[in-house]
Protein backbone atom coordinates (compact mmCIF):
# COMPACT_ATOMS: atom_id res chain seq x y z
CA MET A 1 -37.72 -10.29 -6.81
CA ALA A 2 -38.98 -7.40 -8.30
CA ASP A 3 -39.15 -5.86 -4.98
CA GLU A 4 -35.16 -6.51 -5.10
CA GLY A 5 -34.76 -5.41 -8.78
CA ARG A 6 -36.98 -2.03 -7.06
CA PHE A 7 -34.28 -1.59 -4.33
CA ARG A 8 -31.08 -2.07 -6.55
CA ALA A 9 -32.42 0.47 -9.03
CA LEU A 10 -32.91 2.62 -6.42
CA TYR A 11 -29.50 2.18 -5.12
CA ASP A 12 -28.00 2.91 -8.23
CA ALA A 13 -29.63 6.02 -8.46
CA SER A 14 -28.72 7.16 -5.16
CA HIS A 15 -25.63 5.98 -4.56
CA ALA A 16 -23.02 8.48 -5.71
CA ARG A 17 -25.69 11.46 -4.60
CA LEU A 18 -26.26 9.87 -1.05
CA LEU A 19 -22.17 9.60 -0.92
CA SER A 20 -21.85 13.51 -1.34
CA LEU A 21 -24.22 14.07 0.73
CA LEU A 22 -22.66 12.13 3.70
CA ILE A 23 -18.84 13.61 2.59
CA ARG A 24 -20.42 16.59 3.54
CA MET A 25 -22.03 16.21 6.52
CA ALA A 26 -19.31 13.21 8.50
CA GLY A 27 -16.02 13.77 5.95
CA ARG A 28 -14.73 12.25 3.31
CA ARG A 29 -12.82 9.56 5.85
CA GLU A 30 -16.52 8.25 7.37
CA ALA A 31 -18.70 8.71 4.00
CA GLU A 32 -18.89 5.69 2.59
CA ASP A 33 -18.91 3.78 5.77
CA LEU A 34 -21.36 5.76 6.57
CA ALA A 35 -23.41 4.79 3.23
CA GLN A 36 -23.11 1.06 3.57
CA ILE A 37 -24.85 1.58 7.00
CA ALA A 38 -27.46 3.94 5.37
CA PHE A 39 -27.92 1.54 2.00
CA ALA A 40 -28.29 -1.65 4.79
CA LYS A 41 -30.89 -0.42 7.07
CA ALA A 42 -32.53 0.81 4.51
CA ALA A 43 -32.84 -2.87 2.94
CA ALA A 44 -33.76 -3.97 6.05
CA ALA A 45 -36.84 -1.22 5.89
CA TRP A 46 -37.74 -1.74 2.28
CA PRO A 47 -40.23 -4.53 2.38
CA ALA A 48 -42.33 -1.69 4.78
CA PHE A 49 -41.52 0.69 2.73
CA ARG A 50 -44.27 3.20 2.04
CA GLU A 51 -45.79 3.75 -1.53
CA ASP A 52 -46.73 6.91 -0.98
CA ALA A 53 -43.63 8.23 0.01
CA ASP A 54 -40.58 9.36 -2.46
CA PRO A 55 -38.29 6.57 -2.43
CA ALA A 56 -35.21 8.89 -2.48
CA THR A 57 -36.43 11.49 0.40
CA TRP A 58 -36.52 8.13 2.59
CA LEU A 59 -33.11 6.63 1.41
CA TYR A 60 -31.55 10.21 2.21
CA ARG A 61 -33.61 10.89 5.48
CA ILE A 62 -32.22 7.39 6.65
CA ALA A 63 -28.63 8.69 5.84
CA VAL A 64 -29.08 11.96 7.51
CA ASN A 65 -30.04 9.96 10.68
CA VAL A 66 -26.78 7.18 10.50
CA ALA A 67 -24.50 10.72 9.91
CA LEU A 68 -25.89 12.38 12.63
CA ASP A 69 -25.91 9.52 14.76
CA HIS A 70 -22.49 9.16 13.89
CA LEU A 71 -21.81 12.57 15.03
CA ARG A 72 -23.22 12.32 18.11
CA SER A 73 -20.81 9.26 18.57
CA ARG A 74 -18.07 9.33 21.30
CA ALA A 75 -16.13 7.89 18.37
CA ALA A 76 -16.53 11.45 16.08
CA CYS A 77 -15.42 13.09 19.16
CA GLU A 78 -12.32 11.75 19.05
CA ALA A 79 -11.87 11.27 15.42
CA LYS A 80 -12.00 15.31 15.46
CA LEU A 81 -13.39 14.80 11.75
CA THR A 82 -11.95 17.83 9.98
CA ASP A 83 -12.56 17.22 6.44
CA ALA A 84 -16.58 17.73 6.69
CA MET A 85 -16.21 21.45 6.05
CA PRO A 86 -15.06 22.95 2.89
CA ASP A 87 -11.22 24.85 3.09
CA ASP A 88 -13.16 28.02 2.13
CA GLU A 89 -15.92 27.66 4.72
CA PHE A 90 -14.58 30.22 6.68
CA CYS A 91 -11.62 32.14 5.47
CA SER A 92 -9.31 31.46 2.30
CA CYS A 93 -6.03 31.07 4.25
CA GLY A 94 -3.88 30.38 1.15
CA THR A 95 -1.05 29.17 2.89
CA THR A 96 0.49 25.84 3.45
CA ASP A 97 2.00 26.60 6.95
CA PRO A 98 1.49 23.75 9.15
CA GLU A 99 0.84 25.66 12.19
CA GLN A 100 -1.65 27.32 9.96
CA GLU A 101 -2.87 24.20 8.97
CA LEU A 102 -2.98 22.62 11.99
CA SER A 103 -4.72 25.66 13.99
CA ARG A 104 -7.40 25.48 11.13
CA LYS A 105 -8.12 22.00 11.43
CA ASP A 106 -8.26 22.77 15.52
CA VAL A 107 -11.17 25.51 14.70
CA GLN A 108 -12.60 23.23 12.18
CA ALA A 109 -12.97 20.25 15.03
CA SER A 110 -14.43 22.97 17.38
CA LEU A 111 -17.26 23.71 15.37
CA LEU A 112 -18.25 20.27 14.85
CA ALA A 113 -18.08 19.48 18.48
CA ASP A 114 -20.10 22.96 19.09
CA ILE A 115 -22.84 21.98 16.38
CA GLY A 116 -23.12 18.76 18.26
CA LYS A 117 -24.28 20.97 20.92
CA LEU A 118 -27.15 22.38 19.21
CA SER A 119 -30.85 21.20 20.47
CA GLU A 120 -31.40 17.96 17.76
CA THR A 121 -34.19 19.32 16.14
CA HIS A 122 -32.05 22.42 15.34
CA ARG A 123 -28.98 20.56 14.31
CA GLU A 124 -30.88 18.66 11.68
CA ALA A 125 -31.73 21.79 9.85
CA PHE A 126 -28.21 23.62 10.48
CA MET A 127 -26.18 20.37 9.20
CA LEU A 128 -28.43 19.79 6.66
CA SER A 129 -28.03 23.62 5.23
CA MET A 130 -24.70 24.42 6.96
CA LEU A 131 -22.88 20.93 6.27
CA ALA A 132 -24.52 19.21 3.38
CA GLY A 133 -25.75 22.43 0.97
CA MET A 134 -29.27 21.81 1.08
CA ARG A 135 -31.94 24.56 -0.11
CA ASP A 136 -34.60 25.12 2.48
CA ASP A 137 -36.98 23.08 0.16
CA GLU A 138 -34.95 19.86 0.33
CA ILE A 139 -34.65 20.16 3.61
CA ALA A 140 -38.53 20.81 4.36
CA LEU A 141 -38.92 17.21 2.36
CA MET A 142 -36.37 15.57 4.38
CA LEU A 143 -37.55 16.28 7.44
CA ASP A 144 -41.02 16.47 6.65
CA ILE A 145 -41.67 19.54 7.68
CA SER A 146 -42.89 23.10 5.59
CA LYS A 147 -40.53 25.66 4.29
CA GLY A 148 -41.62 28.30 6.67
CA ALA A 149 -40.93 25.82 9.62
CA VAL A 150 -37.57 24.93 7.98
CA LYS A 151 -36.55 28.53 7.94
CA VAL A 152 -37.97 29.08 11.80
CA ARG A 153 -35.36 25.85 12.67
CA LEU A 154 -32.58 27.55 10.92
CA HIS A 155 -32.89 31.16 12.12
CA ARG A 156 -33.35 29.24 16.06
CA ALA A 157 -29.98 27.22 15.30
CA ARG A 158 -28.19 30.05 13.98
CA GLU A 159 -28.80 31.81 17.01
CA GLU A 160 -28.10 29.27 19.32
CA PHE A 161 -25.01 27.94 17.33
CA ARG A 162 -23.94 31.92 18.17
CA GLN A 163 -23.99 31.59 21.94
CA ILE A 164 -22.14 28.26 21.54
CA VAL A 165 -19.69 30.19 19.87
CA GLY A 166 -19.62 33.10 21.92
CA ALA A 167 -18.77 30.78 25.17
CA ASN A 168 -15.78 29.61 23.34
CA CYS A 169 -15.01 33.00 21.81
CA GLU A 170 -11.13 33.28 23.51
CA PHE A 171 -10.24 29.76 21.81
CA TYR A 172 -11.23 30.87 18.43
CA ARG A 173 -9.88 34.24 18.68
CA ASN A 174 -6.72 33.06 19.90
CA GLU A 175 -6.68 29.76 17.18
CA PHE A 176 -7.88 31.25 14.07
CA THR A 177 -5.02 32.82 12.60
CA CYS A 178 -6.09 32.84 8.62
CA GLN A 179 -4.85 35.53 6.39
CA PRO A 180 -8.72 36.68 5.02
CA SER A 181 -8.75 36.72 1.35
CA THR A 182 -11.10 40.34 1.70
CA PRO A 183 -10.88 42.68 4.19
CA ASP A 184 -14.66 41.25 5.38
CA CYS A 185 -13.52 37.95 5.98
CA CYS A 186 -12.40 37.21 9.28
CA ALA A 187 -13.10 41.14 10.04
CA ALA A 188 -16.85 40.71 10.13
CA ALA A 189 -17.04 37.45 12.52
CA GLU A 190 -14.23 38.95 14.80
CA LYS A 191 -16.46 41.95 15.12
CA LYS A 192 -19.66 39.68 16.27
CA SER A 193 -17.72 37.20 18.35
CA ARG A 194 -16.07 39.96 20.43
CA CYS A 195 -16.52 38.63 24.34
């Protein structure tokens, strides 16, 4: 019974942050369901939990795995989760034009699909950094690796992502029709991605 009380305390202390993490990783529509799956998996594994590990880190790792599994799944591709990235992630378009909004959502869906093409070790670090907004030291704790290893994985993930996006260069150039909020906003991306 005391064990159940400790798990309930972990749930109460972690639910809001875990839900926020899952919103950034998988989108608002899916986050609550994924949180419930993560907590169910954690509850099932709780009796075997090692006392020497941090319970919150252990729980977030389970949630990250649930989100990664979901994003890899066919359902995630078909649903085209476009709200996982903040609206200003690439450019602040400042328009409510339906055509531009549809183009922006297509680009976001394509970028999420491209993230899914990263190798697994790179994808985990990339998503935790770019989508979940975690710092290198938080990622190191989450993945149980050194901060230096996180930096290496992120560097390699960015290089791999550039190559993947470069293969879709024409699509992004044709679809990404925002009005940059600053002169550097889209110009730098356009310059780097020329095919």
